[in-house]
Amino acid sequence: MKYYLIKCTNKLDNGFGGTAQGPLIKILSKYKDDTGLIEHEKTHVRQWYAVLGLGLLLCTLLTLLVAPSLWPLYGLAPFSHQLLYKFVRPYRCWCEVQAYRKQIAVGGYTGTTFAVTALVEKYDLGLSTNKAGALLIG
């Protein structure tokens, strides 16, 4: 079962080669055959589904065990990943490191410099080059 939808585009607002918003992936047309980039974005889609599931479970537990009036919290579950990604730097770092590890593993790239540079410069993670490289190695 396909759990994502890919749309090729000629422009992305943020200057990246691809983005994922929930199960929707946008890839610049020039990267449509870049397996590594597509897997990177699919990793973000899987992260979104995982946090969605945890959010729905938490909402269910709160509604059943604390108060039925908490049911409106279900409306936040689809946005939990985006909120965590935007406001929680360690979560954003974990997401990007996992996605770049997958991209490097399947992309057939000759090096990891592009990923280290991206982690240092593009995501406001506060990482040094050495720390970013160490995180990618695992």
Protein backbone atom coordinates (compact mmCIF):
# COMPACT_ATOMS: atom_id res chain seq x y z
CA MET A 1 0.00 0.00 0.00
CA LYS A 2 1.34 3.43 -0.95
CA TYR A 3 1.24 5.72 2.06
CA TYR A 4 2.33 8.94 0.36
CA LEU A 5 1.64 11.06 -2.71
CA ILE A 6 4.45 12.64 -4.74
CA LYS A 7 3.93 15.78 -6.77
CA CYS A 8 6.70 17.13 -9.00
CA THR A 9 7.00 20.89 -9.14
CA ASN A 10 9.33 23.47 -10.65
CA LYS A 11 9.50 25.63 -7.54
CA LEU A 12 9.61 25.11 -3.82
CA ASP A 13 9.29 28.10 -1.55
CA ASN A 14 12.08 27.20 0.84
CA GLY A 15 14.90 26.38 -1.59
CA PHE A 16 15.04 22.66 -0.82
CA GLY A 17 14.93 19.81 -3.34
CA GLY A 18 11.86 18.33 -1.69
CA THR A 19 9.40 18.81 1.15
CA ALA A 20 6.93 16.62 2.98
CA GLN A 21 3.74 17.90 4.59
CA GLY A 22 1.95 14.98 6.17
CA PRO A 23 1.60 12.29 3.49
CA LEU A 24 2.17 14.77 0.63
CA ILE A 25 5.65 15.03 -0.88
CA LYS A 26 6.72 17.76 -3.29
CA ILE A 27 9.91 17.18 -5.26
CA LEU A 28 11.56 19.56 -7.69
CA SER A 29 11.18 18.14 -11.19
CA LYS A 30 14.94 17.98 -11.69
CA TYR A 31 15.16 15.55 -8.71
CA LYS A 32 12.21 13.31 -9.66
CA ASP A 33 14.56 10.35 -10.24
CA ASP A 34 16.71 10.95 -7.15
CA THR A 35 15.93 7.84 -5.09
CA GLY A 36 17.83 9.16 -2.10
CA LEU A 37 15.86 12.40 -1.93
CA ILE A 38 12.56 10.59 -2.36
CA GLU A 39 13.48 8.19 0.46
CA HIS A 40 14.50 11.18 2.60
CA GLU A 41 11.03 12.68 2.17
CA LYS A 42 9.32 9.31 2.66
CA THR A 43 11.14 9.10 6.00
CA HIS A 44 9.47 12.36 7.00
CA VAL A 45 6.10 10.95 5.93
CA ARG A 46 6.66 7.89 8.14
CA GLN A 47 7.63 10.19 11.02
CA TRP A 48 4.40 12.11 10.50
CA TYR A 49 2.34 8.91 10.61
CA ALA A 50 4.14 7.72 13.76
CA VAL A 51 3.48 10.98 15.61
CA LEU A 52 -0.10 11.02 14.31
CA GLY A 53 -0.64 7.55 15.76
CA LEU A 54 0.87 8.52 19.10
CA GLY A 55 -1.17 11.71 19.16
CA LEU A 56 -4.41 9.85 18.48
CA LEU A 57 -3.56 7.29 21.15
CA LEU A 58 -2.83 10.03 23.67
CA CYS A 59 -6.09 11.80 22.80
CA THR A 60 -8.00 8.55 23.22
CA LEU A 61 -6.44 7.90 26.62
CA LEU A 62 -7.11 11.45 27.79
CA THR A 63 -10.70 11.33 26.57
CA LEU A 64 -11.41 7.95 28.16
CA LEU A 65 -9.46 8.27 31.39
CA VAL A 66 -9.48 11.98 32.21
CA ALA A 67 -12.50 13.71 30.71
CA PRO A 68 -14.70 13.14 27.66
CA SER A 69 -14.70 16.90 27.13
CA LEU A 70 -11.09 16.64 25.91
CA TRP A 71 -12.21 15.16 22.58
CA PRO A 72 -11.36 18.38 20.65
CA LEU A 73 -7.69 17.52 21.16
CA TYR A 74 -8.09 14.99 18.34
CA GLY A 75 -7.96 17.99 16.00
CA LEU A 76 -4.34 18.63 17.01
CA ALA A 77 -3.08 15.13 16.21
CA PRO A 78 -2.51 15.70 12.47
CA PHE A 79 -0.40 18.76 13.28
CA SER A 80 1.68 17.27 16.09
CA HIS A 81 4.66 16.38 13.89
CA GLN A 82 4.77 19.82 12.31
CA LEU A 83 4.52 21.54 15.70
CA LEU A 84 7.23 19.38 17.23
CA TYR A 85 9.43 19.83 14.15
CA LYS A 86 9.09 23.61 14.20
CA PHE A 87 9.41 24.25 17.93
CA VAL A 88 11.48 21.37 19.38
CA ARG A 89 15.05 21.52 18.08
CA PRO A 90 16.11 18.03 19.32
CA TYR A 91 13.09 16.50 17.57
CA ARG A 92 13.88 18.39 14.34
CA CYS A 93 17.49 17.20 14.58
CA TRP A 94 16.41 13.58 15.11
CA CYS A 95 14.01 13.78 12.14
CA GLU A 96 16.60 15.19 9.77
CA VAL A 97 19.40 12.86 10.87
CA GLN A 98 17.14 9.84 10.30
CA ALA A 99 16.08 11.17 6.89
CA TYR A 100 19.65 11.90 5.77
CA ARG A 101 20.83 8.50 6.98
CA LYS A 102 18.18 6.88 4.79
CA GLN A 103 19.02 9.17 1.87
CA ILE A 104 22.72 8.31 2.11
CA ALA A 105 22.02 4.59 2.48
CA VAL A 106 19.92 4.25 -0.67
CA GLY A 107 20.91 7.24 -2.80
CA GLY A 108 24.19 6.00 -4.23
CA TYR A 109 25.96 9.26 -3.36
CA THR A 110 29.76 9.42 -3.35
CA GLY A 111 29.97 11.20 -0.01
CA THR A 112 28.10 12.69 2.91
CA THR A 113 29.32 16.28 2.66
CA PHE A 114 25.98 17.47 1.26
CA ALA A 115 24.14 16.04 4.29
CA VAL A 116 26.60 17.44 6.82
CA THR A 117 26.39 20.87 5.19
CA ALA A 118 22.59 20.75 5.18
CA LEU A 119 22.41 19.75 8.85
CA VAL A 120 24.75 22.58 9.80
CA GLU A 121 23.25 25.32 7.62
CA LYS A 122 19.62 24.65 6.71
CA TYR A 123 17.71 23.55 9.80
CA ASP A 124 18.72 25.88 12.65
CA LEU A 125 20.04 22.93 14.65
CA GLY A 126 23.08 24.64 16.12
CA LEU A 127 25.36 21.79 15.04
CA SER A 128 29.04 21.94 14.25
CA THR A 129 30.38 20.15 11.20
CA ASN A 130 31.99 17.50 13.42
CA LYS A 131 28.81 16.91 15.44
CA ALA A 132 26.66 16.66 12.28
CA GLY A 133 29.08 14.15 10.76
CA ALA A 134 29.11 12.10 13.97
CA LEU A 135 25.29 12.04 14.10
CA LEU A 136 25.11 10.76 10.54
CA ILE A 137 27.50 7.91 11.34
CA GLY A 138 25.31 6.93 14.25
